[in-house]
Amino acid sequence: MGDDDLKRAFQALCGDYEELLDEAAQVTQTADERVGLALFKIDEACAAADGLRQDAEQIQEQLLTELLNNCHEFEDIFLRVNLIERFVGRVLVTTRELEKRMESISRAAGPVFNEYQRHQFIPRGASGVPSTDDKWSPVAFDFSTKELVVRLEKSDARELGVSISSSSATESTAETGG
């Protein structure tokens, strides 16, 4: 064999090797395209997930703010209910006192107003001294309604100095300068 035969054999081998590389490149090209498409879709999915995560965080912040505002409203409502309960308690105590006095007045004055029993209680002799067994004093009707209405008209429980949460208690202290 000569040099020319070796060159031709070498060129033939190089041509065969080139064809093999081209076939391999064509096979890997479709695989590369598929991998590239998959990576693109993964990037799109990650971007969509990040967008959803940011939206969810924003919505969560808004909901937490609304929840905190609702908590403050409930705090105000509960405070007003407590004030009203105290007022009703004072009214109840005074009403019971009035009922007791009405019963004792009824017992004391009932025979006087009843015609059939009146003759039994008319004194036959002059006693001249009124009975001082029962001491009568006026019942005070001061329920502090003006103060209650003023306190109920206040829109914020923190203005009234009452707070359930520690954060709003510190805020009210800071606001009042205490």
N, C-alpha and C. Protein backbone atom coordinates (compact mmCIF):
# COMPACT_ATOMS: atom_id res chain seq x y z
N MET A 1 0.83 -1.15 0.00
CA MET A 1 0.00 0.00 0.00
C MET A 1 0.88 1.23 0.00
N GLY A 2 0.30 2.11 -0.67
CA GLY A 2 1.05 3.33 -0.81
C GLY A 2 0.46 4.44 0.03
N ASP A 3 1.14 5.50 -0.14
CA ASP A 3 0.71 6.69 0.59
C ASP A 3 -0.67 7.14 0.13
N ASP A 4 -0.94 7.00 -1.12
CA ASP A 4 -2.24 7.43 -1.63
C ASP A 4 -3.35 6.54 -1.08
N ASP A 5 -3.08 5.29 -0.98
CA ASP A 5 -4.10 4.39 -0.44
C ASP A 5 -4.38 4.72 1.03
N LEU A 6 -3.35 5.03 1.73
CA LEU A 6 -3.53 5.38 3.14
C LEU A 6 -4.32 6.69 3.27
N LYS A 7 -4.03 7.62 2.38
CA LYS A 7 -4.74 8.90 2.44
C LYS A 7 -6.21 8.69 2.13
N ARG A 8 -6.49 7.87 1.12
CA ARG A 8 -7.89 7.62 0.77
C ARG A 8 -8.60 6.87 1.89
N ALA A 9 -7.92 5.91 2.46
CA ALA A 9 -8.53 5.15 3.56
C ALA A 9 -8.78 6.09 4.75
N PHE A 10 -7.80 6.95 5.00
CA PHE A 10 -7.96 7.90 6.11
C PHE A 10 -9.10 8.87 5.82
N GLN A 11 -9.22 9.35 4.58
CA GLN A 11 -10.31 10.25 4.21
C GLN A 11 -11.65 9.53 4.29
N ALA A 12 -11.67 8.27 3.91
CA ALA A 12 -12.92 7.51 4.00
C ALA A 12 -13.33 7.34 5.46
N LEU A 13 -12.35 7.03 6.29
CA LEU A 13 -12.64 6.89 7.72
C LEU A 13 -13.11 8.23 8.32
N CYS A 14 -12.48 9.30 7.89
CA CYS A 14 -12.89 10.62 8.38
C CYS A 14 -14.30 10.94 7.90
N GLY A 15 -14.64 10.58 6.68
CA GLY A 15 -15.99 10.81 6.17
C GLY A 15 -17.02 10.00 6.95
N ASP A 16 -16.66 8.70 7.21
CA ASP A 16 -17.57 7.86 8.01
C ASP A 16 -17.76 8.45 9.42
N TYR A 17 -16.65 8.91 9.97
CA TYR A 17 -16.71 9.48 11.32
C TYR A 17 -17.56 10.75 11.32
N GLU A 18 -17.47 11.54 10.26
CA GLU A 18 -18.26 12.76 10.13
C GLU A 18 -19.74 12.43 10.03
N GLU A 19 -20.08 11.39 9.27
CA GLU A 19 -21.48 10.97 9.15
C GLU A 19 -22.02 10.51 10.50
N LEU A 20 -21.19 9.75 11.22
CA LEU A 20 -21.61 9.30 12.55
C LEU A 20 -21.85 10.50 13.48
N LEU A 21 -20.94 11.48 13.42
CA LEU A 21 -21.11 12.67 14.25
C LEU A 21 -22.36 13.45 13.86
N ASP A 22 -22.64 13.54 12.54
CA ASP A 22 -23.85 14.24 12.08
C ASP A 22 -25.11 13.53 12.56
N GLU A 23 -25.11 12.18 12.46
CA GLU A 23 -26.27 11.42 12.93
C GLU A 23 -26.46 11.59 14.44
N ALA A 24 -25.34 11.55 15.17
CA ALA A 24 -25.42 11.73 16.62
C ALA A 24 -25.90 13.15 16.95
N ALA A 25 -25.44 14.13 16.18
CA ALA A 25 -25.86 15.51 16.41
C ALA A 25 -27.35 15.68 16.13
N GLN A 26 -27.85 14.99 15.09
CA GLN A 26 -29.28 15.08 14.80
C GLN A 26 -30.10 14.45 15.92
N VAL A 27 -29.63 13.31 16.43
CA VAL A 27 -30.34 12.65 17.53
C VAL A 27 -30.29 13.53 18.78
N THR A 28 -29.12 14.04 19.09
CA THR A 28 -29.00 14.88 20.30
C THR A 28 -29.67 16.24 20.11
N GLN A 29 -29.80 16.70 18.85
CA GLN A 29 -30.44 17.99 18.61
C GLN A 29 -31.89 17.94 19.04
N THR A 30 -32.63 16.90 18.73
CA THR A 30 -34.03 16.80 19.17
C THR A 30 -34.09 16.67 20.69
N ALA A 31 -33.13 15.90 21.24
CA ALA A 31 -33.10 15.78 22.71
C ALA A 31 -32.77 17.14 23.33
N ASP A 32 -31.80 17.85 22.73
CA ASP A 32 -31.45 19.18 23.24
C ASP A 32 -32.63 20.14 23.14
N GLU A 33 -33.37 20.06 22.02
CA GLU A 33 -34.55 20.92 21.87
C GLU A 33 -35.59 20.59 22.92
N ARG A 34 -35.78 19.31 23.19
CA ARG A 34 -36.76 18.91 24.21
C ARG A 34 -36.31 19.37 25.60
N VAL A 35 -35.02 19.20 25.87
CA VAL A 35 -34.50 19.66 27.17
C VAL A 35 -34.64 21.17 27.28
N GLY A 36 -34.33 21.89 26.21
CA GLY A 36 -34.48 23.34 26.21
C GLY A 36 -35.92 23.76 26.43
N LEU A 37 -36.86 23.08 25.77
CA LEU A 37 -38.28 23.37 25.94
C LEU A 37 -38.72 23.07 27.37
N ALA A 38 -38.23 21.96 27.93
CA ALA A 38 -38.56 21.61 29.31
C ALA A 38 -38.02 22.66 30.27
N LEU A 39 -36.80 23.12 30.06
CA LEU A 39 -36.22 24.16 30.92
C LEU A 39 -37.01 25.47 30.80
N PHE A 40 -37.46 25.80 29.59
CA PHE A 40 -38.27 27.00 29.39
C PHE A 40 -39.59 26.89 30.15
N LYS A 41 -40.22 25.71 30.07
CA LYS A 41 -41.49 25.51 30.79
C LYS A 41 -41.27 25.55 32.30
N ILE A 42 -40.14 25.00 32.74
CA ILE A 42 -39.83 25.06 34.18
C ILE A 42 -39.65 26.51 34.62
N ASP A 43 -38.96 27.31 33.80
CA ASP A 43 -38.79 28.73 34.12
C ASP A 43 -40.13 29.45 34.17
N GLU A 44 -41.01 29.15 33.21
CA GLU A 44 -42.34 29.76 33.21
C GLU A 44 -43.12 29.37 34.46
N ALA A 45 -43.05 28.09 34.83
CA ALA A 45 -43.77 27.61 36.02
C ALA A 45 -43.22 28.27 37.28
N CYS A 46 -41.90 28.42 37.36
CA CYS A 46 -41.30 29.09 38.52
C CYS A 46 -41.74 30.55 38.59
N ALA A 47 -41.78 31.22 37.45
CA ALA A 47 -42.23 32.61 37.42
C ALA A 47 -43.68 32.72 37.85
N ALA A 48 -44.52 31.80 37.36
CA ALA A 48 -45.93 31.82 37.75
C ALA A 48 -46.08 31.54 39.25
N ALA A 49 -45.29 30.59 39.77
CA ALA A 49 -45.35 30.28 41.20
C ALA A 49 -44.89 31.48 42.03
N ASP A 50 -43.84 32.17 41.58
CA ASP A 50 -43.39 33.36 42.30
C ASP A 50 -44.46 34.45 42.29
N GLY A 51 -45.12 34.62 41.14
CA GLY A 51 -46.20 35.61 41.06
C GLY A 51 -47.34 35.26 41.99
N LEU A 52 -47.72 33.99 42.01
CA LEU A 52 -48.80 33.56 42.91
C LEU A 52 -48.39 33.73 44.37
N ARG A 53 -47.14 33.43 44.69
CA ARG A 53 -46.66 33.57 46.05
C ARG A 53 -46.71 35.04 46.48
N GLN A 54 -46.29 35.94 45.59
CA GLN A 54 -46.34 37.36 45.92
C GLN A 54 -47.78 37.83 46.09
N ASP A 55 -48.67 37.38 45.21
CA ASP A 55 -50.09 37.73 45.35
C ASP A 55 -50.65 37.21 46.66
N ALA A 56 -50.29 35.97 47.00
CA ALA A 56 -50.79 35.37 48.24
C ALA A 56 -50.28 36.14 49.45
N GLU A 57 -49.02 36.56 49.42
CA GLU A 57 -48.48 37.33 50.54
C GLU A 57 -49.18 38.68 50.66
N GLN A 58 -49.45 39.31 49.53
CA GLN A 58 -50.15 40.60 49.55
C GLN A 58 -51.57 40.43 50.09
N ILE A 59 -52.25 39.41 49.63
CA ILE A 59 -53.62 39.15 50.11
C ILE A 59 -53.59 38.82 51.59
N GLN A 60 -52.60 38.04 52.02
CA GLN A 60 -52.48 37.69 53.43
C GLN A 60 -52.26 38.94 54.28
N GLU A 61 -51.43 39.86 53.82
CA GLU A 61 -51.22 41.11 54.55
C GLU A 61 -52.52 41.90 54.66
N GLN A 62 -53.26 41.98 53.55
CA GLN A 62 -54.54 42.70 53.58
C GLN A 62 -55.51 42.05 54.55
N LEU A 63 -55.58 40.71 54.51
CA LEU A 63 -56.50 40.01 55.39
C LEU A 63 -56.10 40.17 56.85
N LEU A 64 -54.81 40.14 57.13
CA LEU A 64 -54.36 40.34 58.51
C LEU A 64 -54.69 41.74 59.00
N THR A 65 -54.54 42.72 58.12
CA THR A 65 -54.91 44.09 58.49
C THR A 65 -56.40 44.19 58.77
N GLU A 66 -57.22 43.60 57.91
CA GLU A 66 -58.67 43.61 58.12
C GLU A 66 -59.04 42.86 59.39
N LEU A 67 -58.36 41.74 59.65
CA LEU A 67 -58.63 40.97 60.86
C LEU A 67 -58.29 41.78 62.10
N LEU A 68 -57.17 42.48 62.06
CA LEU A 68 -56.79 43.32 63.19
C LEU A 68 -57.81 44.44 63.40
N ASN A 69 -58.27 45.04 62.31
CA ASN A 69 -59.31 46.08 62.43
C ASN A 69 -60.59 45.50 63.01
N ASN A 70 -60.97 44.30 62.57
CA ASN A 70 -62.17 43.65 63.12
C ASN A 70 -61.99 43.35 64.60
N CYS A 71 -60.77 42.95 64.99
CA CYS A 71 -60.51 42.70 66.41
C CYS A 71 -60.69 43.98 67.22
N HIS A 72 -60.21 45.10 66.68
CA HIS A 72 -60.39 46.37 67.39
C HIS A 72 -61.87 46.73 67.48
N GLU A 73 -62.63 46.46 66.43
CA GLU A 73 -64.07 46.73 66.47
C GLU A 73 -64.75 45.86 67.53
N PHE A 74 -64.38 44.57 67.58
CA PHE A 74 -64.96 43.69 68.59
C PHE A 74 -64.56 44.15 69.99
N GLU A 75 -63.34 44.61 70.13
CA GLU A 75 -62.89 45.12 71.41
C GLU A 75 -63.76 46.30 71.84
N ASP A 76 -64.04 47.20 70.90
CA ASP A 76 -64.92 48.34 71.19
C ASP A 76 -66.32 47.87 71.57
N ILE A 77 -66.84 46.91 70.83
CA ILE A 77 -68.19 46.39 71.10
C ILE A 77 -68.25 45.76 72.48
N PHE A 78 -67.25 44.93 72.82
CA PHE A 78 -67.24 44.28 74.12
C PHE A 78 -67.13 45.30 75.25
N LEU A 79 -66.35 46.35 75.03
CA LEU A 79 -66.23 47.39 76.03
C LEU A 79 -67.58 48.07 76.25
N ARG A 80 -68.26 48.39 75.16
CA ARG A 80 -69.57 49.02 75.28
C ARG A 80 -70.57 48.10 75.97
N VAL A 81 -70.51 46.81 75.65
CA VAL A 81 -71.40 45.85 76.31
C VAL A 81 -71.11 45.83 77.81
N ASN A 82 -69.83 45.85 78.18
CA ASN A 82 -69.48 45.87 79.60
C ASN A 82 -70.02 47.13 80.29
N LEU A 83 -69.90 48.28 79.61
CA LEU A 83 -70.44 49.51 80.19
C LEU A 83 -71.95 49.43 80.36
N ILE A 84 -72.62 48.90 79.34
CA ILE A 84 -74.08 48.77 79.41
C ILE A 84 -74.47 47.79 80.51
N GLU A 85 -73.72 46.69 80.65
CA GLU A 85 -74.02 45.73 81.71
C GLU A 85 -73.88 46.37 83.08
N ARG A 86 -72.84 47.19 83.27
CA ARG A 86 -72.68 47.87 84.56
C ARG A 86 -73.84 48.84 84.81
N PHE A 87 -74.25 49.55 83.76
CA PHE A 87 -75.38 50.47 83.88
C PHE A 87 -76.65 49.71 84.25
N VAL A 88 -76.90 48.62 83.54
CA VAL A 88 -78.10 47.82 83.82
C VAL A 88 -78.03 47.25 85.23
N GLY A 89 -76.84 46.88 85.68
CA GLY A 89 -76.69 46.39 87.05
C GLY A 89 -77.07 47.45 88.07
N ARG A 90 -76.63 48.70 87.82
CA ARG A 90 -77.00 49.79 88.74
C ARG A 90 -78.51 50.03 88.72
N VAL A 91 -79.10 49.98 87.52
CA VAL A 91 -80.55 50.16 87.41
C VAL A 91 -81.27 49.04 88.16
N LEU A 92 -80.77 47.82 88.03
CA LEU A 92 -81.38 46.67 88.71
C LEU A 92 -81.32 46.83 90.22
N VAL A 93 -80.18 47.25 90.74
CA VAL A 93 -80.05 47.44 92.19
C VAL A 93 -81.03 48.51 92.67
N THR A 94 -81.11 49.62 91.94
CA THR A 94 -82.04 50.69 92.32
C THR A 94 -83.49 50.23 92.20
N THR A 95 -83.79 49.47 91.16
CA THR A 95 -85.15 48.96 90.98
C THR A 95 -85.53 48.03 92.13
N ARG A 96 -84.61 47.18 92.53
CA ARG A 96 -84.90 46.29 93.67
C ARG A 96 -85.13 47.09 94.95
N GLU A 97 -84.33 48.13 95.13
CA GLU A 97 -84.52 48.99 96.30
C GLU A 97 -85.90 49.64 96.26
N LEU A 98 -86.29 50.11 95.09
CA LEU A 98 -87.62 50.72 94.95
C LEU A 98 -88.73 49.70 95.20
N GLU A 99 -88.54 48.48 94.70
CA GLU A 99 -89.54 47.43 94.93
C GLU A 99 -89.69 47.14 96.42
N LYS A 100 -88.57 47.07 97.13
CA LYS A 100 -88.63 46.83 98.57
C LYS A 100 -89.38 47.95 99.27
N ARG A 101 -89.08 49.18 98.87
CA ARG A 101 -89.75 50.31 99.50
C ARG A 101 -91.24 50.33 99.15
N MET A 102 -91.58 49.98 97.92
CA MET A 102 -92.99 49.94 97.52
C MET A 102 -93.73 48.88 98.33
N GLU A 103 -93.08 47.74 98.56
CA GLU A 103 -93.72 46.70 99.37
C GLU A 103 -93.95 47.17 100.79
N SER A 104 -92.94 47.83 101.37
CA SER A 104 -93.14 48.29 102.75
C SER A 104 -94.16 49.43 102.81
N ILE A 105 -94.20 50.28 101.78
CA ILE A 105 -95.23 51.33 101.73
C ILE A 105 -96.61 50.69 101.59
N SER A 106 -96.69 49.67 100.75
CA SER A 106 -97.96 48.99 100.56
C SER A 106 -98.43 48.34 101.86
N ARG A 107 -97.48 47.74 102.57
CA ARG A 107 -97.86 47.13 103.85
C ARG A 107 -98.28 48.18 104.87
N ALA A 108 -97.58 49.31 104.86
CA ALA A 108 -97.89 50.36 105.84
C ALA A 108 -99.16 51.12 105.47
N ALA A 109 -99.34 51.43 104.19
CA ALA A 109 -100.46 52.27 103.79
C ALA A 109 -101.65 51.47 103.29
N GLY A 110 -101.48 50.19 103.07
CA GLY A 110 -102.57 49.36 102.56
C GLY A 110 -103.82 49.40 103.41
N PRO A 111 -103.70 49.20 104.70
CA PRO A 111 -104.91 49.24 105.54
C PRO A 111 -105.58 50.61 105.55
N VAL A 112 -104.81 51.67 105.34
CA VAL A 112 -105.40 53.01 105.33
C VAL A 112 -106.29 53.18 104.11
N PHE A 113 -105.85 52.63 102.98
CA PHE A 113 -106.62 52.79 101.76
C PHE A 113 -107.71 51.73 101.60
N ASN A 114 -107.66 50.68 102.36
CA ASN A 114 -108.66 49.63 102.30
C ASN A 114 -109.80 49.99 103.25
N GLU A 115 -111.02 50.16 102.75
CA GLU A 115 -112.16 50.61 103.56
C GLU A 115 -112.50 49.61 104.66
N TYR A 116 -112.38 48.36 104.39
CA TYR A 116 -112.81 47.35 105.36
C TYR A 116 -111.85 47.24 106.52
N GLN A 117 -110.59 47.58 106.28
CA GLN A 117 -109.63 47.48 107.37
C GLN A 117 -109.37 48.83 108.04
N ARG A 118 -109.92 49.89 107.49
CA ARG A 118 -109.63 51.23 107.99
C ARG A 118 -110.11 51.40 109.44
N HIS A 119 -111.26 50.87 109.77
CA HIS A 119 -111.80 51.08 111.11
C HIS A 119 -110.97 50.36 112.17
N GLN A 120 -110.22 49.34 111.78
CA GLN A 120 -109.39 48.64 112.76
C GLN A 120 -108.17 49.48 113.16
N PHE A 121 -107.73 50.32 112.28
CA PHE A 121 -106.49 51.05 112.54
C PHE A 121 -106.72 52.49 112.98
N ILE A 122 -107.99 52.89 113.11
CA ILE A 122 -108.26 54.24 113.59
C ILE A 122 -107.98 54.23 115.09
N PRO A 123 -107.11 55.12 115.50
CA PRO A 123 -106.78 55.12 116.94
C PRO A 123 -107.99 55.54 117.78
N ARG A 124 -108.22 54.83 118.84
CA ARG A 124 -109.35 55.10 119.71
C ARG A 124 -108.98 56.14 120.75
N GLY A 125 -107.75 56.20 120.98
CA GLY A 125 -107.29 57.22 121.92
C GLY A 125 -106.31 58.13 121.21
N ALA A 126 -105.92 59.17 121.85
CA ALA A 126 -104.98 60.09 121.22
C ALA A 126 -103.58 59.66 121.57
N SER A 127 -102.93 59.06 120.63
CA SER A 127 -101.54 58.68 120.90
C SER A 127 -100.64 59.87 120.60
N GLY A 128 -100.94 60.59 119.54
CA GLY A 128 -100.24 61.83 119.24
C GLY A 128 -98.80 61.66 118.79
N VAL A 129 -98.23 60.51 118.94
CA VAL A 129 -96.83 60.33 118.56
C VAL A 129 -96.78 59.42 117.34
N PRO A 130 -96.27 59.91 116.23
CA PRO A 130 -96.18 59.05 115.04
C PRO A 130 -95.10 57.99 115.24
N SER A 131 -95.32 56.88 114.59
CA SER A 131 -94.38 55.76 114.70
C SER A 131 -93.11 56.09 113.92
N THR A 132 -91.98 55.83 114.55
CA THR A 132 -90.69 56.09 113.90
C THR A 132 -89.92 54.80 113.66
N ASP A 133 -90.67 53.70 113.52
CA ASP A 133 -90.01 52.41 113.29
C ASP A 133 -89.31 52.39 111.93
N ASP A 134 -89.99 52.85 110.92
CA ASP A 134 -89.41 52.84 109.57
C ASP A 134 -88.82 54.20 109.28
N LYS A 135 -87.57 54.19 108.82
CA LYS A 135 -86.94 55.44 108.41
C LYS A 135 -87.03 55.53 106.90
N TRP A 136 -87.58 56.63 106.47
CA TRP A 136 -87.76 56.83 105.03
C TRP A 136 -86.73 57.84 104.54
N SER A 137 -86.06 57.46 103.50
CA SER A 137 -85.11 58.39 102.87
C SER A 137 -85.31 58.29 101.37
N PRO A 138 -85.01 59.36 100.66
CA PRO A 138 -85.23 59.32 99.21
C PRO A 138 -84.26 58.35 98.53
N VAL A 139 -84.76 57.76 97.47
CA VAL A 139 -83.93 56.85 96.67
C VAL A 139 -83.23 57.68 95.60
N ALA A 140 -81.94 57.49 95.50
CA ALA A 140 -81.17 58.25 94.50
C ALA A 140 -81.29 57.57 93.14
N PHE A 141 -81.66 58.35 92.15
CA PHE A 141 -81.83 57.83 90.79
C PHE A 141 -80.66 58.22 89.89
N ASP A 142 -79.51 58.46 90.43
CA ASP A 142 -78.37 58.89 89.62
C ASP A 142 -77.68 57.66 89.04
N PHE A 143 -77.95 57.41 87.77
CA PHE A 143 -77.33 56.27 87.10
C PHE A 143 -76.12 56.71 86.27
N SER A 144 -75.75 57.96 86.34
CA SER A 144 -74.65 58.53 85.54
C SER A 144 -74.86 58.27 84.06
N THR A 145 -76.07 58.52 83.61
CA THR A 145 -76.37 58.24 82.20
C THR A 145 -75.60 59.15 81.26
N LYS A 146 -75.37 60.39 81.67
CA LYS A 146 -74.60 61.29 80.79
C LYS A 146 -73.20 60.74 80.59
N GLU A 147 -72.59 60.31 81.67
CA GLU A 147 -71.24 59.75 81.58
C GLU A 147 -71.25 58.48 80.73
N LEU A 148 -72.26 57.65 80.90
CA LEU A 148 -72.35 56.42 80.11
C LEU A 148 -72.49 56.73 78.63
N VAL A 149 -73.35 57.67 78.29
CA VAL A 149 -73.56 58.01 76.88
C VAL A 149 -72.28 58.58 76.29
N VAL A 150 -71.59 59.43 77.03
CA VAL A 150 -70.33 59.99 76.53
C VAL A 150 -69.32 58.88 76.28
N ARG A 151 -69.23 57.95 77.20
CA ARG A 151 -68.27 56.85 77.04
C ARG A 151 -68.66 55.93 75.89
N LEU A 152 -69.97 55.72 75.70
CA LEU A 152 -70.41 54.85 74.60
C LEU A 152 -70.21 55.51 73.25
N GLU A 153 -70.25 56.85 73.21
CA GLU A 153 -70.09 57.54 71.94
C GLU A 153 -68.64 57.53 71.46
N LYS A 154 -67.71 57.26 72.35
CA LYS A 154 -66.31 57.20 71.92
C LYS A 154 -66.16 56.03 70.97
N SER A 155 -65.45 56.26 69.89
CA SER A 155 -65.42 55.26 68.82
C SER A 155 -64.36 54.20 69.00
N ASP A 156 -63.41 54.40 69.88
CA ASP A 156 -62.29 53.48 69.95
C ASP A 156 -62.08 53.05 71.39
N ALA A 157 -61.92 51.76 71.60
CA ALA A 157 -61.71 51.24 72.95
C ALA A 157 -60.40 51.76 73.52
N ARG A 158 -59.43 52.01 72.66
CA ARG A 158 -58.14 52.50 73.14
C ARG A 158 -58.30 53.89 73.75
N GLU A 159 -59.27 54.69 73.26
CA GLU A 159 -59.52 56.00 73.85
C GLU A 159 -60.09 55.86 75.25
N LEU A 160 -60.77 54.76 75.48
CA LEU A 160 -61.37 54.53 76.79
C LEU A 160 -60.38 53.91 77.76
N GLY A 161 -59.17 53.57 77.27
CA GLY A 161 -58.15 53.03 78.14
C GLY A 161 -58.28 51.55 78.39
N VAL A 162 -59.01 50.85 77.56
CA VAL A 162 -59.19 49.41 77.73
C VAL A 162 -58.68 48.72 76.49
N SER A 163 -57.94 47.63 76.70
CA SER A 163 -57.43 46.90 75.55
C SER A 163 -57.27 45.44 75.92
N ILE A 164 -57.58 44.58 74.96
CA ILE A 164 -57.41 43.14 75.16
C ILE A 164 -56.00 42.74 74.78
N SER A 165 -55.50 43.27 73.67
CA SER A 165 -54.18 42.86 73.19
C SER A 165 -53.11 43.75 73.79
N SER A 166 -51.91 43.20 73.91
CA SER A 166 -50.81 43.97 74.48
C SER A 166 -50.32 45.03 73.52
N SER A 167 -50.44 44.78 72.20
CA SER A 167 -49.96 45.77 71.23
C SER A 167 -50.79 47.03 71.28
N SER A 168 -52.11 46.92 71.36
CA SER A 168 -52.93 48.13 71.38
C SER A 168 -52.83 48.82 72.73
N ALA A 169 -52.49 48.08 73.80
CA ALA A 169 -52.30 48.71 75.10
C ALA A 169 -51.07 49.59 75.07
N THR A 170 -50.00 49.12 74.42
CA THR A 170 -48.80 49.94 74.31
C THR A 170 -49.04 51.11 73.39
N GLU A 171 -49.85 50.92 72.34
CA GLU A 171 -50.18 52.02 71.44
C GLU A 171 -50.96 53.09 72.18
N SER A 172 -51.92 52.68 73.02
CA SER A 172 -52.72 53.67 73.74
C SER A 172 -51.86 54.41 74.75
N THR A 173 -50.89 53.72 75.35
CA THR A 173 -49.99 54.37 76.28
C THR A 173 -49.13 55.37 75.55
N ALA A 174 -48.66 55.00 74.37
CA ALA A 174 -47.83 55.90 73.57
C ALA A 174 -48.64 57.10 73.09
N GLU A 175 -49.91 56.87 72.70
CA GLU A 175 -50.75 57.95 72.19
C GLU A 175 -51.11 58.94 73.28
N THR A 176 -51.35 58.43 74.50
CA THR A 176 -51.74 59.32 75.59
C THR A 176 -50.53 59.98 76.23
N GLY A 177 -49.33 59.54 75.83
CA GLY A 177 -48.13 60.16 76.37
C GLY A 177 -47.76 59.61 77.72
N GLY A 178 -48.27 58.38 78.06
CA GLY A 178 -47.99 57.79 79.37
C GLY A 178 -46.90 56.88 79.29
